[in-house]
PDB file of N, CA and C in Angstrom:
ATOM      1  N   MET A   1     -10.885  69.864 -32.260  1.00  0.00           N
ATOM      2  CA  MET A   1     -10.667  68.928 -33.609  1.00  0.00           C
ATOM      3  C   MET A   1     -10.520  67.292 -33.166  1.00  0.00           C
ATOM      4  N   PRO A   2     -11.514  66.816 -33.630  1.00  0.00           N
ATOM      5  CA  PRO A   2     -11.948  65.050 -32.895  1.00  0.00           C
ATOM      6  C   PRO A   2     -10.359  64.574 -33.024  1.00  0.00           C
ATOM      7  N   VAL A   3     -10.062  63.430 -32.257  1.00  0.00           N
ATOM      8  CA  VAL A   3      -9.191  62.572 -32.493  1.00  0.00           C
ATOM      9  C   VAL A   3      -9.157  61.441 -31.704  1.00  0.00           C
ATOM     10  N   GLN A   4      -8.621  60.213 -32.435  1.00  0.00           N
ATOM     11  CA  GLN A   4      -8.769  59.008 -32.130  1.00  0.00           C
ATOM     12  C   GLN A   4      -7.317  58.671 -31.187  1.00  0.00           C
ATOM     13  N   GLN A   5      -7.326  58.265 -29.931  1.00  0.00           N
ATOM     14  CA  GLN A   5      -6.348  57.875 -29.141  1.00  0.00           C
ATOM     15  C   GLN A   5      -5.974  56.605 -29.339  1.00  0.00           C
ATOM     16  N   TYR A   6      -4.479  56.052 -29.417  1.00  0.00           N
ATOM     17  CA  TYR A   6      -4.012  54.384 -29.610  1.00  0.00           C
ATOM     18  C   TYR A   6      -2.808  54.233 -28.698  1.00  0.00           C
ATOM     19  N   VAL A   7      -2.859  53.563 -28.339  1.00  0.00           N
ATOM     20  CA  VAL A   7      -1.625  52.716 -27.725  1.00  0.00           C
ATOM     21  C   VAL A   7      -1.205  51.349 -27.923  1.00  0.00           C
ATOM     22  N   HIS A   8      -0.040  51.114 -28.747  1.00  0.00           N
ATOM     23  CA  HIS A   8       0.406  49.844 -28.938  1.00  0.00           C
ATOM     24  C   HIS A   8       0.542  48.891 -27.936  1.00  0.00           C
ATOM     25  N   ARG A   9       0.467  47.976 -27.675  1.00  0.00           N
ATOM     26  CA  ARG A   9       1.617  46.828 -26.883  1.00  0.00           C
ATOM     27  C   ARG A   9       2.637  46.837 -27.286  1.00  0.00           C
ATOM     28  N   ASN A  10       3.418  46.786 -25.754  1.00  0.00           N
ATOM     29  CA  ASN A  10       4.646  46.326 -26.530  1.00  0.00           C
ATOM     30  C   ASN A  10       4.979  44.866 -26.856  1.00  0.00           C
ATOM     31  N   ASP A  11       4.340  44.011 -26.352  1.00  0.00           N
ATOM     32  CA  ASP A  11       4.573  42.852 -26.826  1.00  0.00           C
ATOM     33  C   ASP A  11       4.190  42.301 -27.976  1.00  0.00           C
ATOM     34  N   MET A  12       3.362  42.662 -28.635  1.00  0.00           N
ATOM     35  CA  MET A  12       2.980  42.833 -30.053  1.00  0.00           C
ATOM     36  C   MET A  12       3.707  43.556 -30.923  1.00  0.00           C
ATOM     37  N   VAL A  13       3.924  42.476 -32.747  1.00  0.00           N
ATOM     38  CA  VAL A  13       4.857  43.033 -33.627  1.00  0.00           C
ATOM     39  C   VAL A  13       3.794  44.240 -34.168  1.00  0.00           C
ATOM     40  N   CYS A  14       4.709  45.204 -34.594  1.00  0.00           N
ATOM     41  CA  CYS A  14       3.950  46.404 -34.803  1.00  0.00           C
ATOM     42  C   CYS A  14       4.497  46.742 -36.610  1.00  0.00           C
ATOM     43  N   GLY A  15       3.903  47.804 -37.442  1.00  0.00           N
ATOM     44  CA  GLY A  15       4.373  47.831 -38.287  1.00  0.00           C
ATOM     45  C   GLY A  15       5.618  48.609 -38.035  1.00  0.00           C
ATOM     46  N   SER A  16       6.423  49.270 -39.380  1.00  0.00           N
ATOM     47  CA  SER A  16       7.861  49.188 -39.171  1.00  0.00           C
ATOM     48  C   SER A  16       7.726  50.995 -40.021  1.00  0.00           C
ATOM     49  N   THR A  17       6.465  51.585 -39.834  1.00  0.00           N
ATOM     50  CA  THR A  17       6.429  52.768 -40.669  1.00  0.00           C
ATOM     51  C   THR A  17       7.252  53.544 -39.772  1.00  0.00           C
ATOM     52  N   ILE A  18       7.494  54.997 -40.375  1.00  0.00           N
ATOM     53  CA  ILE A  18       8.307  55.894 -39.676  1.00  0.00           C
ATOM     54  C   ILE A  18       8.176  56.241 -38.523  1.00  0.00           C
ATOM     55  N   GLY A  19       6.642  56.166 -38.185  1.00  0.00           N
ATOM     56  CA  GLY A  19       6.628  56.526 -37.089  1.00  0.00           C
ATOM     57  C   GLY A  19       6.989  56.430 -35.675  1.00  0.00           C
ATOM     58  N   PRO A  20       7.107  55.096 -35.471  1.00  0.00           N
ATOM     59  CA  PRO A  20       7.668  53.927 -34.411  1.00  0.00           C
ATOM     60  C   PRO A  20       9.435  53.764 -34.638  1.00  0.00           C
ATOM     61  N   ILE A  21       9.450  53.951 -35.405  1.00  0.00           N
ATOM     62  CA  ILE A  21      11.188  53.939 -36.191  1.00  0.00           C
ATOM     63  C   ILE A  21      11.302  55.378 -35.365  1.00  0.00           C
ATOM     64  N   THR A  22      10.907  56.641 -35.641  1.00  0.00           N
ATOM     65  CA  THR A  22      11.783  57.910 -35.171  1.00  0.00           C
ATOM     66  C   THR A  22      11.425  57.929 -33.314  1.00  0.00           C
ATOM     67  N   ALA A  23       9.981  57.372 -33.472  1.00  0.00           N
ATOM     68  CA  ALA A  23      10.150  56.934 -32.102  1.00  0.00           C
ATOM     69  C   ALA A  23      10.937  56.602 -31.122  1.00  0.00           C
ATOM     70  N   ALA A  24      11.444  55.390 -31.713  1.00  0.00           N
ATOM     71  CA  ALA A  24      12.198  54.221 -30.870  1.00  0.00           C
ATOM     72  C   ALA A  24      13.842  55.640 -31.014  1.00  0.00           C
ATOM     73  N   LYS A  25      13.704  56.220 -31.568  1.00  0.00           N
ATOM     74  CA  LYS A  25      15.537  56.696 -31.638  1.00  0.00           C
ATOM     75  C   LYS A  25      15.545  57.684 -31.220  1.00  0.00           C
ATOM     76  N   LEU A  26      14.726  58.712 -30.709  1.00  0.00           N
ATOM     77  CA  LEU A  26      14.150  59.787 -30.254  1.00  0.00           C
ATOM     78  C   LEU A  26      14.516  59.864 -28.562  1.00  0.00           C
ATOM     79  N   GLY A  27      14.281  58.916 -28.293  1.00  0.00           N
ATOM     80  CA  GLY A  27      13.524  58.465 -26.829  1.00  0.00           C
ATOM     81  C   GLY A  27      12.488  59.703 -25.767  1.00  0.00           C
ATOM     82  N   ILE A  28      11.528  60.140 -27.020  1.00  0.00           N
ATOM     83  CA  ILE A  28      10.980  60.931 -25.652  1.00  0.00           C
ATOM     84  C   ILE A  28       9.466  60.769 -26.193  1.00  0.00           C
ATOM     85  N   SER A  29       8.524  61.080 -25.809  1.00  0.00           N
ATOM     86  CA  SER A  29       7.201  60.554 -26.484  1.00  0.00           C
ATOM     87  C   SER A  29       6.741  61.617 -27.618  1.00  0.00           C
ATOM     88  N   THR A  30       5.969  60.652 -28.543  1.00  0.00           N
ATOM     89  CA  THR A  30       6.050  61.220 -29.845  1.00  0.00           C
ATOM     90  C   THR A  30       4.961  61.107 -30.012  1.00  0.00           C
ATOM     91  N   VAL A  31       4.207  61.668 -31.251  1.00  0.00           N
ATOM     92  CA  VAL A  31       2.805  61.627 -32.236  1.00  0.00           C
ATOM     93  C   VAL A  31       3.021  61.579 -33.574  1.00  0.00           C
ATOM     94  N   ASP A  32       2.770  60.344 -33.793  1.00  0.00           N
ATOM     95  CA  ASP A  32       2.628  59.925 -35.030  1.00  0.00           C
ATOM     96  C   ASP A  32       1.137  59.907 -35.762  1.00  0.00           C
ATOM     97  N   VAL A  33       0.792  61.313 -36.956  1.00  0.00           N
ATOM     98  CA  VAL A  33       0.173  61.862 -36.978  1.00  0.00           C
ATOM     99  C   VAL A  33       0.067  61.426 -38.727  1.00  0.00           C
ATOM    100  N   GLY A  34      -1.285  60.912 -39.418  1.00  0.00           N
ATOM    101  CA  GLY A  34      -1.211  60.700 -40.786  1.00  0.00           C
ATOM    102  C   GLY A  34      -2.191  60.431 -41.947  1.00  0.00           C
ATOM    103  N   ALA A  35      -2.701  60.285 -42.748  1.00  0.00           N
ATOM    104  CA  ALA A  35      -3.422  59.516 -43.405  1.00  0.00           C
ATOM    105  C   ALA A  35      -3.465  58.743 -44.116  1.00  0.00           C
ATOM    106  N   PRO A  36      -4.161  57.230 -43.196  1.00  0.00           N
ATOM    107  CA  PRO A  36      -3.847  56.446 -43.535  1.00  0.00           C
ATOM    108  C   PRO A  36      -5.040  55.812 -45.289  1.00  0.00           C
ATOM    109  N   GLN A  37      -3.799  54.925 -45.851  1.00  0.00           N
ATOM    110  CA  GLN A  37      -3.957  54.954 -47.149  1.00  0.00           C
ATOM    111  C   GLN A  37      -4.233  53.006 -47.627  1.00  0.00           C
ATOM    112  N   LEU A  38      -4.658  52.869 -48.791  1.00  0.00           N
ATOM    113  CA  LEU A  38      -4.921  51.143 -48.851  1.00  0.00           C
ATOM    114  C   LEU A  38      -3.397  50.471 -48.767  1.00  0.00           C
ATOM    115  N   ALA A  39      -2.485  51.521 -49.427  1.00  0.00           N
ATOM    116  CA  ALA A  39      -1.063  50.996 -49.535  1.00  0.00           C
ATOM    117  C   ALA A  39      -0.658  50.836 -48.281  1.00  0.00           C
ATOM    118  N   MET A  40      -0.748  51.067 -47.363  1.00  0.00           N
ATOM    119  CA  MET A  40      -0.741  51.060 -45.956  1.00  0.00           C
ATOM    120  C   MET A  40      -0.986  50.210 -45.273  1.00  0.00           C
ATOM    121  N   HIS A  41      -2.508  50.490 -45.009  1.00  0.00           N
ATOM    122  CA  HIS A  41      -2.915  50.171 -44.229  1.00  0.00           C
ATOM    123  C   HIS A  41      -4.095  49.149 -44.249  1.00  0.00           C
ATOM    124  N   SER A  42      -4.882  48.397 -43.500  1.00  0.00           N
ATOM    125  CA  SER A  42      -5.909  47.294 -43.851  1.00  0.00           C
ATOM    126  C   SER A  42      -7.420  48.633 -43.981  1.00  0.00           C
ATOM    127  N   ALA A  43      -7.944  47.512 -44.479  1.00  0.00           N
ATOM    128  CA  ALA A  43      -9.770  48.666 -44.698  1.00  0.00           C
ATOM    129  C   ALA A  43     -10.217  48.322 -43.496  1.00  0.00           C
ATOM    130  N   ARG A  44      -9.704  48.450 -42.319  1.00  0.00           N
ATOM    131  CA  ARG A  44     -10.346  49.110 -40.894  1.00  0.00           C
ATOM    132  C   ARG A  44     -10.280  50.247 -40.186  1.00  0.00           C
ATOM    133  N   GLU A  45      -8.349  50.771 -41.196  1.00  0.00           N
ATOM    134  CA  GLU A  45      -7.708  51.796 -40.706  1.00  0.00           C
ATOM    135  C   GLU A  45      -7.854  52.964 -41.771  1.00  0.00           C
ATOM    136  N   LEU A  46      -9.053  53.222 -42.724  1.00  0.00           N
ATOM    137  CA  LEU A  46      -9.016  54.521 -43.623  1.00  0.00           C
ATOM    138  C   LEU A  46      -9.548  54.640 -43.171  1.00  0.00           C
ATOM    139  N   MET A  47      -9.564  56.595 -43.897  1.00  0.00           N
ATOM    140  CA  MET A  47     -10.471  57.786 -43.384  1.00  0.00           C
ATOM    141  C   MET A  47     -11.454  57.575 -43.300  1.00  0.00           C
ATOM    142  N   GLY A  48     -12.320  58.476 -43.080  1.00  0.00           N
ATOM    143  CA  GLY A  48     -14.181  58.545 -43.560  1.00  0.00           C
ATOM    144  C   GLY A  48     -13.445  59.775 -44.338  1.00  0.00           C
ATOM    145  N   SER A  49     -14.811  60.498 -45.267  1.00  0.00           N
ATOM    146  CA  SER A  49     -15.072  61.394 -45.941  1.00  0.00           C
ATOM    147  C   SER A  49     -14.867  62.322 -45.461  1.00  0.00           C
ATOM    148  N   ALA A  50     -15.508  62.569 -44.000  1.00  0.00           N
ATOM    149  CA  ALA A  50     -14.734  63.658 -43.663  1.00  0.00           C
ATOM    150  C   ALA A  50     -14.105  64.135 -43.155  1.00  0.00           C
ATOM    151  N   ASP A  51     -13.198  62.797 -42.756  1.00  0.00           N
ATOM    152  CA  ASP A  51     -11.503  63.124 -42.357  1.00  0.00           C
ATOM    153  C   ASP A  51     -10.677  63.421 -43.008  1.00  0.00           C
ATOM    154  N   ALA A  52     -10.626  63.803 -44.168  1.00  0.00           N
ATOM    155  CA  ALA A  52      -9.808  64.312 -45.247  1.00  0.00           C
ATOM    156  C   ALA A  52      -9.823  65.828 -44.715  1.00  0.00           C
ATOM    157  N   GLU A  53     -10.742  66.489 -44.596  1.00  0.00           N
ATOM    158  CA  GLU A  53     -11.127  67.811 -44.729  1.00  0.00           C
ATOM    159  C   GLU A  53     -10.552  68.577 -43.002  1.00  0.00           C
ATOM    160  N   LEU A  54     -10.732  67.692 -42.181  1.00  0.00           N
ATOM    161  CA  LEU A  54      -9.949  67.863 -41.032  1.00  0.00           C
ATOM    162  C   LEU A  54      -8.667  68.230 -40.740  1.00  0.00           C
ATOM    163  N   TYR A  55      -8.068  66.568 -41.812  1.00  0.00           N
ATOM    164  CA  TYR A  55      -6.738  65.821 -41.609  1.00  0.00           C
ATOM    165  C   TYR A  55      -6.152  67.382 -42.416  1.00  0.00           C
ATOM    166  N   THR A  56      -6.540  68.256 -42.983  1.00  0.00           N
ATOM    167  CA  THR A  56      -6.087  69.591 -44.036  1.00  0.00           C
ATOM    168  C   THR A  56      -6.478  70.914 -43.022  1.00  0.00           C
ATOM    169  N   SER A  57      -7.554  70.638 -42.388  1.00  0.00           N
ATOM    170  CA  SER A  57      -7.133  71.948 -41.132  1.00  0.00           C
ATOM    171  C   SER A  57      -6.466  71.542 -40.175  1.00  0.00           C
ATOM    172  N   ALA A  58      -6.542  70.580 -39.843  1.00  0.00           N
ATOM    173  CA  ALA A  58      -4.548  70.535 -38.438  1.00  0.00           C
ATOM    174  C   ALA A  58      -3.440  70.709 -38.939  1.00  0.00           C
ATOM    175  N   MET A  59      -3.481  70.102 -40.400  1.00  0.00           N
ATOM    176  CA  MET A  59      -1.918  69.937 -40.634  1.00  0.00           C
ATOM    177  C   MET A  59      -1.196  71.664 -40.788  1.00  0.00           C
ATOM    178  N   THR A  60      -2.747  72.573 -41.558  1.00  0.00           N
ATOM    179  CA  THR A  60      -2.592  73.589 -42.198  1.00  0.00           C
ATOM    180  C   THR A  60      -2.180  74.345 -40.783  1.00  0.00           C
ATOM    181  N   ALA A  61      -3.205  74.130 -39.708  1.00  0.00           N
ATOM    182  CA  ALA A  61      -3.221  74.968 -38.609  1.00  0.00           C
ATOM    183  C   ALA A  61      -1.631  74.941 -37.740  1.00  0.00           C
ATOM    184  N   PHE A  62      -1.180  73.896 -38.118  1.00  0.00           N
ATOM    185  CA  PHE A  62       0.450  73.351 -37.044  1.00  0.00           C
ATOM    186  C   PHE A  62       1.219  73.937 -37.918  1.00  0.00           C
ATOM    187  N   LEU A  63       1.274  74.126 -39.463  1.00  0.00           N
ATOM    188  CA  LEU A  63       2.200  74.460 -40.349  1.00  0.00           C
ATOM    189  C   LEU A  63       1.921  76.214 -40.234  1.00  0.00           C
ATOM    190  N   GLU A  64       0.915  76.088 -39.855  1.00  0.00           N
ATOM    191  CA  GLU A  64       1.379  78.192 -40.224  1.00  0.00           C
ATOM    192  C   GLU A  64       1.389  78.515 -38.504  1.00  0.00           C
ATOM    193  N   GLY A  65       1.211  78.062 -38.035  1.00  0.00           N
ATOM    194  CA  GLY A  65       1.787  77.993 -36.159  1.00  0.00           C
ATOM    195  C   GLY A  65       0.934  78.514 -35.564  1.00  0.00           C
TER     196      GLY A  65
END
């Protein structure tokens, strides 16, 4: 499964989505996985047409354990 790695700088403000909030409360390394959409992301952070199927496959494999 292809992935994109991203690390946010501590000295810059980031979004207040559930990922950063949960990570701050847990105190352990976390992974924020989701499907970008225009309602919450800029046009530079959208999924490609092939990404929807890859995302579905990844979530299905994870949930089936």
